């Protein structure tokens, strides 16, 4: 599941970059710049919350007890993926908890 959600997000972010380029071509520079910045930010979040041994490195480090350590996909990655919940490849198992 970890590889799947990360790959899913990488593909959606590629799509977002293409969409931003299309916006730029049509002359909406401010929207295009914001869309590119948003894509860069989401990529940084995905990289920061990358998994190691099926656990999110960031959430793993900030949680005190091993029984509560965040499994990948962590809440942050689930929230990023939820933005694309209308995409046909989105899986219900990625829905944020709570």
Protein backbone atom coordinates (compact mmCIF):
# COMPACT_ATOMS: atom_id res chain seq x y z
CA UNK A 1 0.00 0.00 0.00
CA UNK A 2 2.85 2.40 0.77
CA UNK A 3 4.34 2.22 -2.70
CA UNK A 4 0.88 2.55 -4.21
CA UNK A 5 -0.13 5.77 -2.45
CA UNK A 6 3.29 7.35 -3.01
CA UNK A 7 3.19 6.45 -6.71
CA UNK A 8 -0.40 7.68 -6.91
CA UNK A 9 0.62 11.04 -5.42
CA UNK A 10 3.67 11.37 -7.69
CA UNK A 11 1.44 10.84 -10.74
CA UNK A 12 -1.18 13.34 -9.55
CA UNK A 13 1.55 15.91 -8.93
CA UNK A 14 2.82 15.37 -12.49
CA UNK A 15 -0.73 16.01 -13.69
CA UNK A 16 -0.90 19.16 -11.56
CA UNK A 17 2.36 20.44 -13.08
CA UNK A 18 0.94 19.91 -16.57
CA UNK A 19 -2.25 21.72 -15.58
CA UNK A 20 -0.16 24.63 -14.28
CA UNK A 21 1.71 24.78 -17.58
CA UNK A 22 -1.57 24.90 -19.49
CA UNK A 23 -2.75 27.75 -17.28
CA UNK A 24 0.52 29.59 -18.02
CA UNK A 25 0.06 29.11 -21.76
CA UNK A 26 -3.43 30.55 -21.62
CA UNK A 27 -2.11 33.69 -19.93
CA UNK A 28 -3.20 33.32 -16.24
CA UNK A 29 0.31 33.90 -14.83
CA UNK A 30 -0.66 34.39 -11.18
CA UNK A 31 -2.72 31.19 -11.07
CA UNK A 32 0.03 29.30 -12.86
CA UNK A 33 2.71 30.45 -10.44
CA UNK A 34 0.56 29.50 -7.45
CA UNK A 35 -0.18 26.09 -8.98
CA UNK A 36 3.54 25.45 -9.52
CA UNK A 37 4.36 26.52 -5.94
CA UNK A 38 1.62 24.26 -4.62
CA UNK A 39 2.97 21.31 -6.60
CA UNK A 40 6.49 21.94 -5.30
CA UNK A 41 5.18 22.15 -1.73
CA UNK A 42 3.22 18.90 -2.05
CA UNK A 43 6.28 17.14 -3.49
CA UNK A 44 8.35 18.37 -0.53
CA UNK A 45 5.74 17.09 1.93
CA UNK A 46 5.65 13.72 0.18
CA UNK A 47 9.45 13.49 0.31
CA UNK A 48 9.59 14.56 3.96
CA UNK A 49 6.99 12.00 4.99
CA UNK A 50 8.54 9.24 2.93
CA UNK A 51 8.35 5.84 4.50
CA UNK A 52 11.05 3.60 5.84
CA UNK A 53 10.19 0.04 6.86
CA UNK A 54 6.49 0.81 6.26
CA UNK A 55 6.45 3.75 8.67
CA UNK A 56 6.52 7.48 8.07
CA UNK A 57 9.95 8.79 9.09
CA UNK A 58 8.60 12.12 10.35
CA UNK A 59 5.63 10.77 12.27
CA UNK A 60 7.71 7.87 13.59
CA UNK A 61 10.21 10.27 15.17
CA UNK A 62 7.65 12.51 16.86
CA UNK A 63 5.60 9.72 18.43
CA UNK A 64 6.77 8.53 21.83
CA UNK A 65 5.61 4.92 21.96
CA UNK A 66 6.14 2.29 19.31
CA UNK A 67 2.51 1.15 19.55
CA UNK A 68 1.38 4.61 18.44
CA UNK A 69 3.95 5.20 15.72
CA UNK A 70 2.39 6.22 12.45
CA UNK A 71 2.25 3.57 9.79
CA UNK A 72 2.60 4.68 6.21
CA UNK A 73 0.57 6.20 4.82
CA UNK A 74 0.61 8.57 7.77
CA UNK A 75 -2.15 11.14 8.35
CA UNK A 76 -0.23 13.74 6.34
CA UNK A 77 0.07 11.54 3.26
CA UNK A 78 -3.56 10.43 3.60
CA UNK A 79 -4.59 14.11 3.64
CA UNK A 80 -2.53 14.84 0.52
CA UNK A 81 -4.05 11.87 -1.28
CA UNK A 82 -7.59 12.85 -0.23
CA UNK A 83 -7.32 15.95 -2.41
CA UNK A 84 -7.53 13.56 -5.35
CA UNK A 85 -10.34 11.37 -3.96
CA UNK A 86 -12.37 11.92 -7.12
CA UNK A 87 -9.66 10.26 -9.24
CA UNK A 88 -10.53 6.72 -10.39
CA UNK A 89 -7.27 5.31 -8.99
CA UNK A 90 -7.88 6.70 -5.47
CA UNK A 91 -8.43 3.92 -2.94
CA UNK A 92 -10.81 4.09 0.00
CA UNK A 93 -8.13 2.56 2.23
CA UNK A 94 -6.27 5.91 1.96
CA UNK A 95 -9.15 7.94 3.46
CA UNK A 96 -7.87 10.00 6.40
CA UNK A 97 -8.87 8.63 9.80
CA UNK A 98 -10.90 10.73 12.14
